[in-house]
Amino acid sequence: RMRELYAERRAVLLDCARRRLAGLLEIPGVDAGMQTVGWLKRGIDAERVAAAAGKLGVEVVPLSRYALGRRRMNGIILGFAAVEPREIRRGVEQLAMALEHCRRS
């Protein structure tokens, strides 16, 4: 039951992201799990995105917080397993607004 629930939520996230976040964020195909990485397009800073998204009620974590060394990984961690599909849709919309704001600034 839980595996099916997570699969449904993952599918909602991927579908919404494909339609609304194209050109801003790329989510590689994920087959399992409770969270995934979204790779930011060049010129969009993960820390700024996390701050802007947080102001809109969406929590994402910059991947660079988990990396050691000089290589900066410009991505964000997106959790989906604990979030209802309706909230995933809302969150993707809010995240799109944060990404667009960070791209312009």
C-alpha atoms as a PDB file:
ATOM      1  CA  ARG A   1       0.000   0.000   0.000  1.00  0.00           C
ATOM      2  CA  MET A   2       2.709   2.542   0.915  1.00  0.00           C
ATOM      3  CA  ARG A   3       4.707   1.760  -2.213  1.00  0.00           C
ATOM      4  CA  GLU A   4       1.635   2.490  -4.350  1.00  0.00           C
ATOM      5  CA  LEU A   5       0.942   5.706  -2.446  1.00  0.00           C
ATOM      6  CA  TYR A   6       4.519   6.945  -2.947  1.00  0.00           C
ATOM      7  CA  ALA A   7       4.422   5.961  -6.623  1.00  0.00           C
ATOM      8  CA  GLU A   8       1.246   8.001  -7.124  1.00  0.00           C
ATOM      9  CA  ARG A   9       2.765  11.032  -5.417  1.00  0.00           C
ATOM     10  CA  ARG A  10       5.995  10.682  -7.394  1.00  0.00           C
ATOM     11  CA  ALA A  11       3.989  10.543 -10.630  1.00  0.00           C
ATOM     12  CA  VAL A  12       2.068  13.697  -9.674  1.00  0.00           C
ATOM     13  CA  LEU A  13       5.332  15.506  -8.898  1.00  0.00           C
ATOM     14  CA  LEU A  14       6.974  14.445 -12.154  1.00  0.00           C
ATOM     15  CA  ASP A  15       3.934  15.330 -14.238  1.00  0.00           C
ATOM     16  CA  CYS A  16       3.486  18.760 -12.640  1.00  0.00           C
ATOM     17  CA  ALA A  17       7.195  19.506 -12.821  1.00  0.00           C
ATOM     18  CA  ARG A  18       7.375  18.524 -16.484  1.00  0.00           C
ATOM     19  CA  ARG A  19       4.551  20.918 -17.329  1.00  0.00           C
ATOM     20  CA  ARG A  20       5.295  23.829 -14.981  1.00  0.00           C
ATOM     21  CA  LEU A  21       9.037  23.786 -14.281  1.00  0.00           C
ATOM     22  CA  ALA A  22      10.422  23.100 -17.764  1.00  0.00           C
ATOM     23  CA  GLY A  23      13.371  25.364 -18.467  1.00  0.00           C
ATOM     24  CA  LEU A  24      13.856  26.103 -14.770  1.00  0.00           C
ATOM     25  CA  LEU A  25      14.414  22.765 -13.094  1.00  0.00           C
ATOM     26  CA  GLU A  26      15.091  19.259 -14.371  1.00  0.00           C
ATOM     27  CA  ILE A  27      14.018  16.222 -12.393  1.00  0.00           C
ATOM     28  CA  PRO A  28      15.581  13.011 -13.627  1.00  0.00           C
ATOM     29  CA  GLY A  29      13.293  10.011 -13.833  1.00  0.00           C
ATOM     30  CA  VAL A  30      13.013   8.378 -10.434  1.00  0.00           C
ATOM     31  CA  ASP A  31      11.710   4.867  -9.956  1.00  0.00           C
ATOM     32  CA  ALA A  32      11.419   4.763  -6.182  1.00  0.00           C
ATOM     33  CA  GLY A  33      12.069   6.669  -3.019  1.00  0.00           C
ATOM     34  CA  MET A  34      10.546   9.396  -0.930  1.00  0.00           C
ATOM     35  CA  GLN A  35      12.433  12.354  -2.351  1.00  0.00           C
ATOM     36  CA  THR A  36      14.367  13.296  -5.454  1.00  0.00           C
ATOM     37  CA  VAL A  37      16.787  15.913  -6.728  1.00  0.00           C
ATOM     38  CA  GLY A  38      15.814  18.755  -9.010  1.00  0.00           C
ATOM     39  CA  TRP A  39      18.731  20.189 -10.996  1.00  0.00           C
ATOM     40  CA  LEU A  40      18.554  23.949 -11.420  1.00  0.00           C
ATOM     41  CA  LYS A  41      19.258  25.587 -14.729  1.00  0.00           C
ATOM     42  CA  ARG A  42      22.361  27.739 -15.016  1.00  0.00           C
ATOM     43  CA  GLY A  43      22.051  31.106 -13.327  1.00  0.00           C
ATOM     44  CA  ILE A  44      19.548  30.015 -10.679  1.00  0.00           C
ATOM     45  CA  ASP A  45      21.081  29.738  -7.190  1.00  0.00           C
ATOM     46  CA  ALA A  46      19.820  26.924  -4.952  1.00  0.00           C
ATOM     47  CA  GLU A  47      20.160  28.883  -1.690  1.00  0.00           C
ATOM     48  CA  ARG A  48      18.121  31.767  -3.098  1.00  0.00           C
ATOM     49  CA  VAL A  49      15.503  29.341  -4.394  1.00  0.00           C
ATOM     50  CA  ALA A  50      15.211  27.685  -0.966  1.00  0.00           C
ATOM     51  CA  ALA A  51      14.717  31.080   0.697  1.00  0.00           C
ATOM     52  CA  ALA A  52      12.174  32.280  -1.880  1.00  0.00           C
ATOM     53  CA  ALA A  53      10.266  28.986  -1.824  1.00  0.00           C
ATOM     54  CA  GLY A  54      10.213  29.017   1.979  1.00  0.00           C
ATOM     55  CA  LYS A  55       8.522  32.409   1.940  1.00  0.00           C
ATOM     56  CA  LEU A  56       5.803  30.822  -0.210  1.00  0.00           C
ATOM     57  CA  GLY A  57       5.361  27.864   2.139  1.00  0.00           C
ATOM     58  CA  VAL A  58       7.401  25.298   0.192  1.00  0.00           C
ATOM     59  CA  GLU A  59      10.373  23.608   1.824  1.00  0.00           C
ATOM     60  CA  VAL A  60      13.252  22.572  -0.418  1.00  0.00           C
ATOM     61  CA  VAL A  61      16.846  21.972   0.619  1.00  0.00           C
ATOM     62  CA  PRO A  62      19.860  22.988  -1.489  1.00  0.00           C
ATOM     63  CA  LEU A  63      21.869  19.921  -2.409  1.00  0.00           C
ATOM     64  CA  SER A  64      25.091  21.855  -1.747  1.00  0.00           C
ATOM     65  CA  ARG A  65      24.388  21.606   1.997  1.00  0.00           C
ATOM     66  CA  TYR A  66      25.211  17.905   1.718  1.00  0.00           C
ATOM     67  CA  ALA A  67      28.331  18.239  -0.448  1.00  0.00           C
ATOM     68  CA  LEU A  68      31.924  18.489   0.717  1.00  0.00           C
ATOM     69  CA  GLY A  69      34.717  20.075  -1.228  1.00  0.00           C
ATOM     70  CA  ARG A  70      34.855  22.721  -3.881  1.00  0.00           C
ATOM     71  CA  ARG A  71      32.405  21.279  -6.364  1.00  0.00           C
ATOM     72  CA  ARG A  72      29.056  23.034  -6.047  1.00  0.00           C
ATOM     73  CA  MET A  73      26.054  20.948  -6.933  1.00  0.00           C
ATOM     74  CA  ASN A  74      23.314  23.284  -8.066  1.00  0.00           C
ATOM     75  CA  GLY A  75      20.224  21.349  -7.197  1.00  0.00           C
ATOM     76  CA  ILE A  76      17.496  21.084  -4.600  1.00  0.00           C
ATOM     77  CA  ILE A  77      16.030  18.137  -2.747  1.00  0.00           C
ATOM     78  CA  LEU A  78      12.303  17.677  -3.272  1.00  0.00           C
ATOM     79  CA  GLY A  79      10.373  15.503  -0.852  1.00  0.00           C
ATOM     80  CA  PHE A  80       7.064  14.059  -1.992  1.00  0.00           C
ATOM     81  CA  ALA A  81       6.218  10.931  -0.004  1.00  0.00           C
ATOM     82  CA  ALA A  82       4.544  12.712   2.926  1.00  0.00           C
ATOM     83  CA  VAL A  83       2.616  15.194   0.762  1.00  0.00           C
ATOM     84  CA  GLU A  84      -0.899  14.784  -0.625  1.00  0.00           C
ATOM     85  CA  PRO A  85      -1.210  15.102  -4.439  1.00  0.00           C
ATOM     86  CA  ARG A  86      -3.241  18.325  -4.108  1.00  0.00           C
ATOM     87  CA  GLU A  87      -0.442  19.861  -2.033  1.00  0.00           C
ATOM     88  CA  ILE A  88       2.202  18.627  -4.485  1.00  0.00           C
ATOM     89  CA  ARG A  89       0.402  20.493  -7.264  1.00  0.00           C
ATOM     90  CA  ARG A  90       0.203  23.641  -5.148  1.00  0.00           C
ATOM     91  CA  GLY A  91       3.837  23.272  -4.119  1.00  0.00           C
ATOM     92  CA  VAL A  92       5.033  22.927  -7.712  1.00  0.00           C
ATOM     93  CA  GLU A  93       3.140  26.103  -8.617  1.00  0.00           C
ATOM     94  CA  GLN A  94       4.677  27.985  -5.667  1.00  0.00           C
ATOM     95  CA  LEU A  95       8.123  26.593  -6.506  1.00  0.00           C
ATOM     96  CA  ALA A  96       7.717  27.785 -10.099  1.00  0.00           C
ATOM     97  CA  MET A  97       7.024  31.302  -8.818  1.00  0.00           C
ATOM     98  CA  ALA A  98      10.134  31.160  -6.611  1.00  0.00           C
ATOM     99  CA  LEU A  99      12.278  29.872  -9.492  1.00  0.00           C
ATOM    100  CA  GLU A 100      11.010  32.564 -11.858  1.00  0.00           C
ATOM    101  CA  HIS A 101      11.728  35.227  -9.246  1.00  0.00           C
ATOM    102  CA  CYS A 102      15.276  33.921  -8.690  1.00  0.00           C
ATOM    103  CA  ARG A 103      15.939  33.708 -12.418  1.00  0.00           C
ATOM    104  CA  ARG A 104      14.966  37.367 -12.920  1.00  0.00           C
ATOM    105  CA  SER A 105      16.867  38.720  -9.907  1.00  0.00           C
END
